[in-house]
Amino acid sequence: MGSIVVDQYWRGRSSFSLCVFMVLALFYGGIMLAFGPLTPEMRIEGAIGVILGLYVCSHPASNVLDLLFSDGGVSRQRPDDQGGILWYVLNFLVLLAGWFAVLVGVTCFTT
């Protein structure tokens, strides 16, 4: 039997997972902007937003670092799921959604 190598970072490299993270961050920000605080403690809401946003931002950042520093850098061959300009656009959109969640979370600390 051959061994199967499991990539421990598969969640951040999947287009589907990146879309799910983006929707989650946008959902949090949208709920907070539309309905205001859901709990009486704004610091909890802010902490959730900052942690969620930083987690969402970590996946595109990891993908960029992998692109630059592993297996020959930018010139290396990428899997089909990660090829082309759409992969970079998706990573950028996920990064923006994560920043949005962080921004909404930080504003909870100032009100």
C-alpha atoms as a PDB file:
ATOM      1  CA  MET A   1       0.000   0.000   0.000  1.00  0.00           C
ATOM      2  CA  GLY A   2       1.217   3.462  -0.842  1.00  0.00           C
ATOM      3  CA  SER A   3       1.152   6.164   1.720  1.00  0.00           C
ATOM      4  CA  ILE A   4      -1.099   9.157   1.302  1.00  0.00           C
ATOM      5  CA  VAL A   5       0.433  12.510   2.121  1.00  0.00           C
ATOM      6  CA  VAL A   6      -2.078  14.787   3.779  1.00  0.00           C
ATOM      7  CA  ASP A   7      -1.505  18.507   3.399  1.00  0.00           C
ATOM      8  CA  GLN A   8      -2.171  20.062   6.783  1.00  0.00           C
ATOM      9  CA  TYR A   9      -2.890  23.428   5.180  1.00  0.00           C
ATOM     10  CA  TRP A  10      -5.501  22.224   2.690  1.00  0.00           C
ATOM     11  CA  ARG A  11      -8.245  24.509   4.024  1.00  0.00           C
ATOM     12  CA  GLY A  12      -6.474  27.695   2.996  1.00  0.00           C
ATOM     13  CA  ARG A  13      -5.565  26.385  -0.436  1.00  0.00           C
ATOM     14  CA  SER A  14      -9.017  25.320  -1.522  1.00  0.00           C
ATOM     15  CA  SER A  15     -11.046  27.828  -3.524  1.00  0.00           C
ATOM     16  CA  PHE A  16     -14.225  26.578  -1.878  1.00  0.00           C
ATOM     17  CA  SER A  17     -12.786  27.038   1.611  1.00  0.00           C
ATOM     18  CA  LEU A  18     -11.562  30.522   0.784  1.00  0.00           C
ATOM     19  CA  CYS A  19     -15.064  31.432  -0.409  1.00  0.00           C
ATOM     20  CA  VAL A  20     -16.574  30.054   2.801  1.00  0.00           C
ATOM     21  CA  PHE A  21     -14.146  32.111   4.916  1.00  0.00           C
ATOM     22  CA  MET A  22     -14.957  35.214   2.889  1.00  0.00           C
ATOM     23  CA  VAL A  23     -18.714  34.728   3.303  1.00  0.00           C
ATOM     24  CA  LEU A  24     -18.276  34.137   7.031  1.00  0.00           C
ATOM     25  CA  ALA A  25     -16.326  37.382   7.496  1.00  0.00           C
ATOM     26  CA  LEU A  26     -18.792  39.355   5.375  1.00  0.00           C
ATOM     27  CA  PHE A  27     -21.718  37.807   7.240  1.00  0.00           C
ATOM     28  CA  TYR A  28     -20.265  38.848  10.605  1.00  0.00           C
ATOM     29  CA  GLY A  29     -19.623  42.403   9.393  1.00  0.00           C
ATOM     30  CA  GLY A  30     -23.032  42.662   7.780  1.00  0.00           C
ATOM     31  CA  ILE A  31     -24.847  41.437  10.884  1.00  0.00           C
ATOM     32  CA  MET A  32     -22.942  43.863  13.086  1.00  0.00           C
ATOM     33  CA  LEU A  33     -23.601  46.811  10.785  1.00  0.00           C
ATOM     34  CA  ALA A  34     -27.253  45.967  10.162  1.00  0.00           C
ATOM     35  CA  PHE A  35     -28.386  44.937  13.639  1.00  0.00           C
ATOM     36  CA  GLY A  36     -25.751  46.343  15.958  1.00  0.00           C
ATOM     37  CA  PRO A  37     -24.480  44.422  18.950  1.00  0.00           C
ATOM     38  CA  LEU A  38     -26.001  41.019  19.579  1.00  0.00           C
ATOM     39  CA  THR A  39     -24.725  40.751  23.144  1.00  0.00           C
ATOM     40  CA  PRO A  40     -24.684  43.349  25.909  1.00  0.00           C
ATOM     41  CA  GLU A  41     -20.869  43.242  26.057  1.00  0.00           C
ATOM     42  CA  MET A  42     -19.312  45.098  23.121  1.00  0.00           C
ATOM     43  CA  ARG A  43     -15.808  43.872  23.963  1.00  0.00           C
ATOM     44  CA  ILE A  44     -16.885  40.281  23.278  1.00  0.00           C
ATOM     45  CA  GLU A  45     -18.345  41.278  19.912  1.00  0.00           C
ATOM     46  CA  GLY A  46     -15.172  43.191  19.074  1.00  0.00           C
ATOM     47  CA  ALA A  47     -12.920  40.313  20.077  1.00  0.00           C
ATOM     48  CA  ILE A  48     -14.925  37.915  17.931  1.00  0.00           C
ATOM     49  CA  GLY A  49     -14.611  40.247  14.943  1.00  0.00           C
ATOM     50  CA  VAL A  50     -10.886  40.789  15.345  1.00  0.00           C
ATOM     51  CA  ILE A  51     -10.137  37.093  15.845  1.00  0.00           C
ATOM     52  CA  LEU A  52     -12.383  36.058  12.950  1.00  0.00           C
ATOM     53  CA  GLY A  53     -10.888  38.690  10.653  1.00  0.00           C
ATOM     54  CA  LEU A  54      -7.315  37.769  11.493  1.00  0.00           C
ATOM     55  CA  TYR A  55      -8.069  34.077  10.965  1.00  0.00           C
ATOM     56  CA  VAL A  56      -9.666  34.790   7.581  1.00  0.00           C
ATOM     57  CA  CYS A  57      -6.720  37.006   6.569  1.00  0.00           C
ATOM     58  CA  SER A  58      -4.214  34.335   7.564  1.00  0.00           C
ATOM     59  CA  HIS A  59      -5.144  32.013   4.692  1.00  0.00           C
ATOM     60  CA  PRO A  60      -4.439  34.406   1.791  1.00  0.00           C
ATOM     61  CA  ALA A  61      -1.292  35.577   3.582  1.00  0.00           C
ATOM     62  CA  SER A  62      -0.163  31.969   3.909  1.00  0.00           C
ATOM     63  CA  ASN A  63      -0.864  31.352   0.230  1.00  0.00           C
ATOM     64  CA  VAL A  64       1.281  34.342  -0.780  1.00  0.00           C
ATOM     65  CA  LEU A  65       4.142  33.222   1.458  1.00  0.00           C
ATOM     66  CA  ASP A  66       3.913  29.693   0.055  1.00  0.00           C
ATOM     67  CA  LEU A  67       3.992  31.109  -3.446  1.00  0.00           C
ATOM     68  CA  LEU A  68       7.079  33.192  -2.742  1.00  0.00           C
ATOM     69  CA  PHE A  69       9.166  30.844  -0.627  1.00  0.00           C
ATOM     70  CA  SER A  70       8.434  27.225  -1.460  1.00  0.00           C
ATOM     71  CA  ASP A  71       9.504  25.041  -4.360  1.00  0.00           C
ATOM     72  CA  GLY A  72      11.081  27.640  -6.594  1.00  0.00           C
ATOM     73  CA  GLY A  73       8.999  30.664  -5.748  1.00  0.00           C
ATOM     74  CA  VAL A  74       6.714  32.314  -8.252  1.00  0.00           C
ATOM     75  CA  SER A  75       7.987  30.294 -11.211  1.00  0.00           C
ATOM     76  CA  ARG A  76       6.941  26.922  -9.780  1.00  0.00           C
ATOM     77  CA  GLN A  77       4.048  24.857 -11.078  1.00  0.00           C
ATOM     78  CA  ARG A  78       0.785  25.256  -9.138  1.00  0.00           C
ATOM     79  CA  PRO A  79      -2.090  22.793  -8.881  1.00  0.00           C
ATOM     80  CA  ASP A  80      -5.050  23.461 -11.175  1.00  0.00           C
ATOM     81  CA  ASP A  81      -7.112  24.886  -8.309  1.00  0.00           C
ATOM     82  CA  GLN A  82      -4.473  27.550  -7.680  1.00  0.00           C
ATOM     83  CA  GLY A  83      -3.639  28.613 -11.216  1.00  0.00           C
ATOM     84  CA  GLY A  84      -4.347  31.842 -12.970  1.00  0.00           C
ATOM     85  CA  ILE A  85      -5.383  35.324 -12.108  1.00  0.00           C
ATOM     86  CA  LEU A  86      -8.686  34.206 -10.564  1.00  0.00           C
ATOM     87  CA  TRP A  87      -6.777  32.483  -7.743  1.00  0.00           C
ATOM     88  CA  TYR A  88      -5.009  35.729  -6.888  1.00  0.00           C
ATOM     89  CA  VAL A  89      -8.224  37.755  -7.148  1.00  0.00           C
ATOM     90  CA  LEU A  90      -9.973  35.310  -4.809  1.00  0.00           C
ATOM     91  CA  ASN A  91      -7.146  35.559  -2.283  1.00  0.00           C
ATOM     92  CA  PHE A  92      -7.289  39.359  -2.460  1.00  0.00           C
ATOM     93  CA  LEU A  93     -11.069  39.382  -1.940  1.00  0.00           C
ATOM     94  CA  VAL A  94     -10.742  37.057   1.047  1.00  0.00           C
ATOM     95  CA  LEU A  95      -8.067  39.332   2.477  1.00  0.00           C
ATOM     96  CA  LEU A  96     -10.372  42.360   2.057  1.00  0.00           C
ATOM     97  CA  ALA A  97     -13.240  40.505   3.739  1.00  0.00           C
ATOM     98  CA  GLY A  98     -10.964  39.632   6.659  1.00  0.00           C
ATOM     99  CA  TRP A  99      -9.881  43.268   6.965  1.00  0.00           C
ATOM    100  CA  PHE A 100     -13.549  44.267   6.970  1.00  0.00           C
ATOM    101  CA  ALA A 101     -14.272  41.905   9.872  1.00  0.00           C
ATOM    102  CA  VAL A 102     -11.266  43.257  11.792  1.00  0.00           C
ATOM    103  CA  LEU A 103     -12.383  46.843  11.162  1.00  0.00           C
ATOM    104  CA  VAL A 104     -15.919  46.147  12.355  1.00  0.00           C
ATOM    105  CA  GLY A 105     -14.530  44.336  15.403  1.00  0.00           C
ATOM    106  CA  VAL A 106     -12.172  47.187  16.273  1.00  0.00           C
ATOM    107  CA  THR A 107     -14.992  49.717  16.031  1.00  0.00           C
ATOM    108  CA  CYS A 108     -16.823  47.742  18.716  1.00  0.00           C
ATOM    109  CA  PHE A 109     -14.026  48.664  21.117  1.00  0.00           C
ATOM    110  CA  THR A 110     -14.370  52.380  20.417  1.00  0.00           C
ATOM    111  CA  THR A 111     -18.109  52.730  20.976  1.00  0.00           C
END
